Amino acid sequence: MDMEYTYWKAKDGWFVGYLNIWPDHLTQGHDIPELEEMLLDIYEFYKEEQSEIVEKKTGRLKVTA
């Protein structure tokens, strides 16, 4: 099975990315292979957790400038 992910190279040189099915779980690696390894870890960890989530909710946070 293939899974899509989104990534970019940050200013500090790290590759940052997330699985497109779980965009709220970011990870990073020194290079693409390390990033992919970290993404696989996220997949293994969160695939079981996602089956337990009943409903996601949002909130608002007041931020001072």
C-alpha atoms as a PDB file:
ATOM      1  CA  MET A   1       0.000   0.000   0.000  1.00  0.00           C
ATOM      2  CA  ASP A   2       1.247   3.489  -0.826  1.00  0.00           C
ATOM      3  CA  MET A   3       0.422   6.480   1.305  1.00  0.00           C
ATOM      4  CA  GLU A   4       0.797  10.106   0.277  1.00  0.00           C
ATOM      5  CA  TYR A   5       2.638  12.590   2.430  1.00  0.00           C
ATOM      6  CA  THR A   6       3.442  16.282   2.227  1.00  0.00           C
ATOM      7  CA  TYR A   7       6.864  17.666   3.082  1.00  0.00           C
ATOM      8  CA  TRP A   8       9.089  20.734   2.835  1.00  0.00           C
ATOM      9  CA  LYS A   9      12.601  21.726   3.731  1.00  0.00           C
ATOM     10  CA  ALA A  10      12.647  24.130   6.687  1.00  0.00           C
ATOM     11  CA  LYS A  11      15.059  27.043   6.980  1.00  0.00           C
ATOM     12  CA  ASP A  12      17.146  25.059   9.477  1.00  0.00           C
ATOM     13  CA  GLY A  13      17.704  22.320   6.866  1.00  0.00           C
ATOM     14  CA  TRP A  14      15.364  19.696   8.354  1.00  0.00           C
ATOM     15  CA  PHE A  15      12.737  18.009   6.210  1.00  0.00           C
ATOM     16  CA  VAL A  16       9.324  18.431   7.842  1.00  0.00           C
ATOM     17  CA  GLY A  17       6.270  16.486   6.799  1.00  0.00           C
ATOM     18  CA  TYR A  18       3.021  14.755   7.605  1.00  0.00           C
ATOM     19  CA  LEU A  19       0.869  11.928   6.295  1.00  0.00           C
ATOM     20  CA  ASN A  20      -1.947  13.438   4.237  1.00  0.00           C
ATOM     21  CA  ILE A  21      -4.507  11.353   6.130  1.00  0.00           C
ATOM     22  CA  TRP A  22      -3.256  12.851   9.454  1.00  0.00           C
ATOM     23  CA  PRO A  23      -2.049  16.362   8.662  1.00  0.00           C
ATOM     24  CA  ASP A  24      -2.055  17.381  12.313  1.00  0.00           C
ATOM     25  CA  HIS A  25       0.843  15.025  13.147  1.00  0.00           C
ATOM     26  CA  LEU A  26       4.086  16.615  11.945  1.00  0.00           C
ATOM     27  CA  THR A  27       7.477  14.953  12.065  1.00  0.00           C
ATOM     28  CA  GLN A  28      10.931  15.727  10.734  1.00  0.00           C
ATOM     29  CA  GLY A  29      14.143  14.148   9.518  1.00  0.00           C
ATOM     30  CA  HIS A  30      17.629  15.189   8.481  1.00  0.00           C
ATOM     31  CA  ASP A  31      16.914  13.816   4.989  1.00  0.00           C
ATOM     32  CA  ILE A  32      14.033  12.256   3.038  1.00  0.00           C
ATOM     33  CA  PRO A  33      14.783   8.625   4.064  1.00  0.00           C
ATOM     34  CA  GLU A  34      14.838   9.620   7.752  1.00  0.00           C
ATOM     35  CA  LEU A  35      11.627  11.627   7.307  1.00  0.00           C
ATOM     36  CA  GLU A  36       9.950   8.610   5.673  1.00  0.00           C
ATOM     37  CA  GLU A  37      11.081   6.403   8.566  1.00  0.00           C
ATOM     38  CA  MET A  38       9.521   8.840  11.032  1.00  0.00           C
ATOM     39  CA  LEU A  39       6.309   8.968   8.964  1.00  0.00           C
ATOM     40  CA  LEU A  40       6.092   5.167   9.094  1.00  0.00           C
ATOM     41  CA  ASP A  41       6.435   5.337  12.880  1.00  0.00           C
ATOM     42  CA  ILE A  42       3.569   7.834  13.000  1.00  0.00           C
ATOM     43  CA  TYR A  43       1.459   5.564  10.808  1.00  0.00           C
ATOM     44  CA  GLU A  44       2.010   2.564  13.079  1.00  0.00           C
ATOM     45  CA  PHE A  45       1.324   4.548  16.238  1.00  0.00           C
ATOM     46  CA  TYR A  46      -1.735   6.482  15.088  1.00  0.00           C
ATOM     47  CA  LYS A  47      -3.549   3.880  13.012  1.00  0.00           C
ATOM     48  CA  GLU A  48      -4.732   2.220  16.224  1.00  0.00           C
ATOM     49  CA  GLU A  49      -5.433   5.515  18.005  1.00  0.00           C
ATOM     50  CA  GLN A  50      -7.618   6.805  15.165  1.00  0.00           C
ATOM     51  CA  SER A  51     -10.019   3.911  15.589  1.00  0.00           C
ATOM     52  CA  GLU A  52     -10.631   5.088  19.182  1.00  0.00           C
ATOM     53  CA  ILE A  53     -11.432   8.726  18.325  1.00  0.00           C
ATOM     54  CA  VAL A  54     -15.172   9.271  18.329  1.00  0.00           C
ATOM     55  CA  GLU A  55     -15.341  12.954  17.437  1.00  0.00           C
ATOM     56  CA  LYS A  56     -12.759  15.668  16.847  1.00  0.00           C
ATOM     57  CA  LYS A  57     -13.584  19.102  18.190  1.00  0.00           C
ATOM     58  CA  THR A  58     -12.177  22.575  17.637  1.00  0.00           C
ATOM     59  CA  GLY A  59     -11.736  25.460  20.000  1.00  0.00           C
ATOM     60  CA  ARG A  60     -10.610  29.083  19.866  1.00  0.00           C
ATOM     61  CA  LEU A  61      -7.566  30.432  21.618  1.00  0.00           C
ATOM     62  CA  LYS A  62      -7.184  34.152  22.298  1.00  0.00           C
ATOM     63  CA  VAL A  63      -3.650  35.314  21.454  1.00  0.00           C
ATOM     64  CA  THR A  64      -2.186  38.679  22.322  1.00  0.00           C
ATOM     65  CA  ALA A  65      -0.018  40.380  19.724  1.00  0.00           C
END
